[in-house]
Protein backbone atom coordinates (compact mmCIF):
# COMPACT_ATOMS: atom_id res chain seq x y z
CA MET A 1 0.40 18.52 64.41
CA THR A 2 -1.41 17.90 61.13
CA PRO A 3 0.08 14.86 59.23
CA SER A 4 1.58 15.74 55.92
CA ALA A 5 -0.25 14.44 52.88
CA PRO A 6 1.50 11.52 51.15
CA ALA A 7 3.71 12.45 48.31
CA GLN A 8 2.10 12.29 44.94
CA THR A 9 3.83 10.04 42.33
CA ALA A 10 3.33 10.30 38.62
CA ALA A 11 1.39 7.43 37.17
CA PRO A 12 3.58 5.18 35.00
CA VAL A 13 3.36 5.83 31.36
CA PRO A 14 2.17 2.76 29.51
CA SER A 15 4.80 1.27 27.22
CA ASP A 16 2.30 1.38 24.29
CA ALA A 17 1.41 5.08 24.79
CA PHE A 18 2.62 7.01 21.80
CA ASP A 19 2.28 10.59 20.52
CA ILE A 20 -0.18 10.04 17.59
CA ARG A 21 -1.10 12.90 15.20
CA ARG A 22 -3.37 12.40 12.25
CA VAL A 23 -1.84 13.49 8.87
CA SER A 24 -5.12 14.00 6.87
CA GLY A 25 -8.76 13.52 7.18
CA ALA A 26 -8.82 10.50 4.90
CA LEU A 27 -6.03 8.40 6.26
CA GLY A 28 -2.51 8.38 7.86
CA ALA A 29 -0.95 9.15 11.23
CA GLU A 30 2.49 10.14 12.65
CA VAL A 31 3.61 8.13 15.64
CA ARG A 32 6.30 9.60 17.86
CA GLY A 33 7.95 8.45 21.00
CA ILE A 34 8.93 4.99 19.87
CA ASP A 35 12.05 3.18 18.79
CA LEU A 36 11.37 0.61 16.10
CA ASP A 37 14.62 -1.04 16.72
CA ASP A 38 13.49 -2.09 20.20
CA LEU A 39 9.79 -2.85 20.32
CA SER A 40 7.96 -4.56 23.13
CA ASP A 41 5.10 -6.90 22.32
CA ALA A 42 2.61 -4.32 23.71
CA GLN A 43 4.02 -1.58 21.51
CA PHE A 44 3.77 -3.80 18.40
CA ASP A 45 0.11 -4.74 19.29
CA ARG A 46 -0.73 -0.96 19.54
CA ILE A 47 1.00 -0.23 16.22
CA HIS A 48 -1.01 -3.01 14.59
CA GLU A 49 -4.20 -1.48 15.90
CA LEU A 50 -3.20 1.99 14.67
CA LEU A 51 -2.37 0.47 11.27
CA LEU A 52 -5.87 -0.99 10.83
CA GLU A 53 -7.38 2.34 12.00
CA HIS A 54 -5.20 4.84 10.01
CA LEU A 55 -3.97 2.54 7.06
CA VAL A 56 -0.57 4.37 6.85
CA LEU A 57 1.70 5.17 9.80
CA PHE A 58 4.79 7.41 9.89
CA PHE A 59 7.58 7.08 12.40
CA PRO A 60 9.96 10.06 12.28
CA ASP A 61 13.46 10.17 13.86
CA GLN A 62 14.37 6.53 13.34
CA GLU A 63 18.09 7.12 12.97
CA ARG A 64 18.81 4.08 15.17
CA LEU A 65 16.84 1.61 12.96
CA THR A 66 19.35 -1.10 11.73
CA PRO A 67 18.76 -3.38 8.92
CA GLU A 68 18.33 -6.20 11.29
CA GLY A 69 15.77 -4.24 13.21
CA HIS A 70 13.95 -3.25 10.03
CA ILE A 71 13.60 -6.97 8.98
CA ALA A 72 12.60 -7.98 12.52
CA PHE A 73 9.86 -5.34 12.57
CA GLY A 74 8.52 -6.78 9.21
CA ARG A 75 8.63 -10.28 10.54
CA ARG A 76 6.17 -9.42 13.34
CA PHE A 77 3.61 -9.02 10.62
CA GLY A 78 4.42 -12.17 8.69
CA GLU A 79 6.89 -13.72 6.30
CA VAL A 80 9.17 -11.20 4.70
CA GLU A 81 9.42 -11.13 0.89
CA VAL A 82 12.59 -11.34 -1.24
CA HIS A 83 11.60 -9.28 -4.25
CA PRO A 84 12.36 -11.09 -7.49
CA PHE A 85 13.54 -7.92 -9.47
CA LEU A 86 14.58 -4.93 -7.49
CA PRO A 87 18.18 -4.39 -6.09
CA LYS A 88 18.88 -5.63 -2.56
CA LEU A 89 20.90 -4.21 0.32
CA GLU A 90 24.18 -6.15 0.44
CA GLY A 91 24.01 -8.89 3.03
CA HIS A 92 20.29 -8.40 3.58
CA PRO A 93 18.28 -9.83 0.66
CA GLU A 94 14.98 -9.03 2.55
CA ILE A 95 15.66 -5.25 2.11
CA THR A 96 14.92 -3.78 -1.25
CA VAL A 97 16.95 -0.60 -2.09
CA ILE A 98 14.77 2.19 -3.35
CA GLN A 99 16.96 4.65 -5.35
CA PRO A 100 14.76 6.45 -7.92
CA ASP A 101 17.60 8.71 -9.18
CA LYS A 102 19.05 5.60 -10.74
CA GLY A 103 15.71 4.75 -12.55
CA GLY A 104 12.40 3.25 -11.74
CA LYS A 105 10.51 6.08 -10.16
CA ALA A 106 7.12 4.84 -9.05
CA ASP A 107 5.24 7.91 -10.19
CA GLU A 108 1.96 6.37 -11.04
CA TRP A 109 -0.74 5.17 -8.69
CA HIS A 110 -0.12 1.50 -7.73
CA ILE A 111 -0.68 -1.24 -5.28
CA ASP A 112 2.62 -3.01 -4.55
CA VAL A 113 3.02 -6.19 -6.55
CA SER A 114 -0.66 -6.68 -7.19
CA PHE A 115 0.28 -8.86 -10.20
CA SER A 116 1.24 -11.57 -7.75
CA PRO A 117 -1.40 -14.18 -6.76
CA SER A 118 -0.73 -13.19 -3.11
CA PRO A 119 0.15 -9.46 -3.06
CA PRO A 120 2.04 -8.17 0.01
CA ILE A 121 -0.14 -7.24 3.02
CA ALA A 122 2.29 -4.39 4.10
CA SER A 123 5.28 -2.45 3.17
CA ILE A 124 7.78 -0.74 5.53
CA LEU A 125 9.90 2.02 3.90
CA HIS A 126 12.85 3.64 5.72
CA LEU A 127 13.66 6.80 3.78
CA ILE A 128 17.27 7.61 4.55
CA ASP A 129 18.19 10.44 2.18
CA THR A 130 15.58 12.94 1.01
CA PRO A 131 15.86 15.83 -1.46
CA SER A 132 15.73 19.46 -0.10
CA ALA A 133 12.29 19.81 -1.73
CA GLY A 134 9.99 17.53 -3.52
CA GLY A 135 9.92 13.70 -3.45
CA ASP A 136 6.72 13.48 -1.46
CA THR A 137 4.57 10.32 -1.47
CA MET A 138 0.79 10.23 -1.67
CA TRP A 139 -1.51 7.40 -0.42
CA SER A 140 -5.24 6.88 -1.13
CA ASN A 141 -7.85 5.22 1.07
CA GLN A 142 -9.62 2.50 -0.95
CA TYR A 143 -12.18 1.89 1.79
CA ARG A 144 -13.53 5.41 1.14
CA ALA A 145 -13.14 4.90 -2.65
CA TYR A 146 -15.53 1.95 -2.57
CA GLU A 147 -17.85 3.40 0.11
CA THR A 148 -18.55 6.57 -1.82
CA LEU A 149 -19.66 4.79 -5.05
CA SER A 150 -23.45 4.80 -5.73
CA GLU A 151 -25.31 1.59 -4.65
CA PRO A 152 -26.17 0.59 -8.30
CA PHE A 153 -22.45 0.89 -9.28
CA LYS A 154 -21.51 -1.11 -6.19
CA GLU A 155 -23.99 -3.85 -7.22
CA MET A 156 -22.61 -3.87 -10.77
CA LEU A 157 -19.07 -4.49 -9.45
CA GLU A 158 -20.02 -7.48 -7.32
CA GLY A 159 -18.65 -10.70 -8.78
CA LEU A 160 -16.22 -8.84 -11.19
CA THR A 161 -12.53 -9.67 -11.19
CA ALA A 162 -9.51 -7.73 -12.54
CA VAL A 163 -6.37 -8.93 -14.14
CA HIS A 164 -3.10 -7.39 -12.88
CA VAL A 165 -0.08 -7.65 -15.19
CA LEU A 166 3.61 -7.03 -14.94
CA LYS A 167 5.29 -6.95 -18.40
CA ILE A 168 9.00 -6.31 -18.84
CA PRO A 169 9.67 -7.27 -22.54
CA PRO A 170 10.95 -9.58 -23.71
CA VAL A 171 11.26 -12.14 -20.96
CA VAL A 172 9.19 -11.23 -17.84
CA GLU A 173 5.52 -11.40 -17.59
CA MET A 174 3.51 -12.13 -14.36
CA SER A 175 -0.23 -11.85 -13.92
CA ALA A 176 -2.85 -12.55 -11.42
CA GLU A 177 -6.66 -12.16 -11.20
CA HIS A 178 -8.21 -10.54 -8.10
CA PRO A 179 -11.71 -9.30 -7.07
CA VAL A 180 -12.44 -5.78 -8.11
CA VAL A 181 -13.98 -5.33 -4.62
CA ARG A 182 -12.00 -7.24 -1.95
CA VAL A 183 -12.84 -7.85 1.74
CA HIS A 184 -10.21 -7.06 4.27
CA PRO A 185 -9.42 -10.22 6.18
CA VAL A 186 -9.14 -8.56 9.57
CA THR A 187 -11.68 -5.65 9.45
CA GLY A 188 -14.21 -7.28 7.16
CA ARG A 189 -14.68 -3.98 5.28
CA LYS A 190 -14.81 -3.76 1.51
CA SER A 191 -12.39 -1.70 -0.63
CA LEU A 192 -11.62 -1.14 -4.33
CA TYR A 193 -8.72 -3.26 -5.63
CA VAL A 194 -7.79 -2.03 -9.07
CA THR A 195 -4.66 0.09 -9.87
CA ARG A 196 -3.70 2.33 -12.80
CA MET A 197 -0.13 0.88 -12.98
CA TRP A 198 -0.91 -2.83 -13.11
CA THR A 199 -4.63 -3.55 -13.82
CA SER A 200 -5.16 -4.75 -17.40
CA HIS A 201 -8.87 -5.53 -17.75
CA ILE A 202 -12.03 -6.92 -16.28
CA PRO A 203 -12.58 -10.29 -18.01
CA GLN A 204 -16.30 -10.39 -17.45
CA LEU A 205 -16.80 -7.23 -19.55
CA THR A 206 -16.05 -6.29 -23.22
CA ARG A 207 -12.76 -4.54 -23.77
CA GLN A 208 -14.54 -1.27 -24.31
CA GLU A 209 -16.77 -1.71 -21.16
CA SER A 210 -13.74 -2.70 -19.18
CA ASP A 211 -11.70 0.31 -20.27
CA ALA A 212 -14.58 2.69 -19.35
CA VAL A 213 -15.16 1.08 -15.91
CA LEU A 214 -11.48 0.91 -15.01
CA GLN A 215 -10.83 4.53 -16.12
CA HIS A 216 -13.72 5.69 -13.91
CA LEU A 217 -12.49 3.68 -10.98
CA PHE A 218 -8.85 4.91 -11.44
CA GLU A 219 -10.01 8.46 -11.40
CA HIS A 220 -12.52 7.99 -8.58
CA SER A 221 -10.01 6.32 -6.28
CA GLU A 222 -7.36 9.02 -6.80
CA GLN A 223 -9.65 11.93 -5.69
CA PRO A 224 -7.87 14.33 -3.27
CA ALA A 225 -10.52 13.81 -0.75
CA PHE A 226 -9.40 10.18 -0.28
CA THR A 227 -5.68 10.95 -0.15
CA LEU A 228 -2.74 12.28 1.92
CA ARG A 229 0.52 13.74 0.78
CA TYR A 230 3.49 13.25 2.98
CA ARG A 231 6.63 15.47 3.14
CA TRP A 232 9.55 13.21 4.17
CA ASP A 233 12.33 14.08 6.59
CA PRO A 234 15.44 11.88 6.58
CA HIS A 235 15.13 8.62 8.62
CA THR A 236 11.30 8.57 8.64
CA VAL A 237 9.80 5.12 8.32
CA ALA A 238 6.40 4.53 6.72
CA LEU A 239 4.28 1.48 7.24
CA TRP A 240 1.17 1.01 5.12
CA ASP A 241 -1.54 -1.62 4.65
CA ASN A 242 -1.13 -2.64 1.00
CA ARG A 243 -4.50 -4.34 0.97
CA VAL A 244 -6.55 -1.12 1.23
CA THR A 245 -4.28 1.69 -0.05
CA GLN A 246 -2.70 2.85 -3.25
CA HIS A 247 0.33 5.13 -3.35
CA ILE A 248 2.38 7.22 -5.79
CA ALA A 249 5.88 8.79 -5.48
CA ILE A 250 5.74 12.36 -6.79
CA ASN A 251 8.39 12.83 -9.46
CA ASP A 252 9.24 16.53 -8.93
CA TYR A 253 12.92 16.46 -7.85
CA GLN A 254 16.42 15.96 -9.18
CA GLU A 255 18.43 15.40 -6.04
CA HIS A 256 19.35 12.17 -4.41
CA ARG A 257 16.62 10.11 -2.70
CA ARG A 258 17.32 6.72 -1.17
CA GLY A 259 15.31 4.37 1.02
CA GLN A 260 15.28 0.75 2.14
CA ARG A 261 12.04 -1.20 2.07
CA VAL A 262 10.88 -4.45 3.73
CA THR A 263 7.69 -6.09 2.29
CA VAL A 264 5.53 -8.48 4.17
CA ASN A 265 4.32 -11.46 2.04
CA GLY A 266 0.65 -11.53 1.26
CA ASP A 267 -2.57 -13.18 1.54
CA LEU A 268 -5.15 -14.19 -1.17
CA PRO A 269 -7.41 -11.18 -2.01
CA SER A 270 -10.92 -12.43 -1.50
CA SER A 271 -14.55 -11.32 -2.01
CA ASP A 272 -17.85 -12.31 -0.44
CA THR A 273 -19.32 -12.78 -3.95
CA PRO A 274 -18.34 -15.61 -6.38
CA PRO A 275 -16.81 -14.49 -9.61
CA ARG A 276 -19.11 -14.18 -12.67
CA PRO A 277 -18.40 -16.00 -15.90
CA GLU A 278 -15.99 -14.45 -18.30
CA TYR A 279 -17.12 -12.54 -21.40
CA ARG A 280 -17.33 -14.61 -24.55
CA ARG A 281 -16.68 -12.84 -27.75
CA LYS A 282 -19.19 -13.17 -30.49
CA GLY A 283 -18.27 -14.48 -33.91
CA ASP A 284 -15.23 -12.66 -35.32
CA GLU A 285 -15.44 -9.85 -32.81
CA ARG A 286 -12.00 -8.24 -32.14
CA TYR A 287 -11.18 -8.41 -28.41
CA TYR A 288 -7.88 -7.38 -26.81
CA PRO A 289 -7.89 -8.48 -23.11
CA ARG A 290 -4.16 -8.28 -22.59
CA ARG A 291 -3.67 -4.63 -23.36
CA ILE A 292 -2.62 -2.91 -20.10
CA ASN A 293 -4.99 0.01 -19.48
CA ALA A 294 -5.89 0.17 -23.18
CA LYS A 295 -2.30 0.89 -24.24
CA VAL A 296 -1.42 -0.13 -27.75
CA GLY A 297 0.84 -3.28 -27.88
CA TYR A 298 -0.62 -5.41 -25.23
């Protein structure tokens, strides 16, 4: 009698094995098969690796995510911010309520809170209610934006800084100065770090030179080849690396849209090149460094 072969058992599925699907050629991936309200350490470590690789991660079907779980997920990355201006979820000051139909649509390319001396390293947005059409969000890969510049232009940018300004007349003004080209503290890669919404000027250049350089960098960094556009389903969570991406919420809808965001406090944007001296105006030369993106009145 021939002995029967031993029964085959399926190999255990690792707890950090997810279904990962890229969203675009430039950046972004969807991650399925995970419950963000109940993460193991191995699962979080894998998410962190994926974030560094794809820059933006989307987690569909997160109906079970509680405010407490949302905050706990953010705290795995670092200290969670309490935003100084935006409305908060009752009982959870760490969660900002994003409700654009009540004003404040972020429909211009921006880096979150880059006007802070230590801008956030990451944001985690749980979009709860979505319009039937429209309301997509786009992100742009600022590694690629930098890496596709010509070598002479890269050399010109070394040592330049940019001033980022929030101005809400008549009482609120915050500003910070950061390298135009920053180095990611984990990957060591360089990226552009200027943004159409907040960047005012490059203090090492004349105002006219600054306007021209910034306008070129804004348009260059927003090219479709560097971007993704994501169509939201209710209860999708997005996590993005705020150090190397910009984003914009497309303002093409009238229906209700509501989300809850946790933001992870930042680091100090740094460069591997010391800043150059600031421009000194000559004689009675007119110079307007505080105008935001050359708009009249600043």
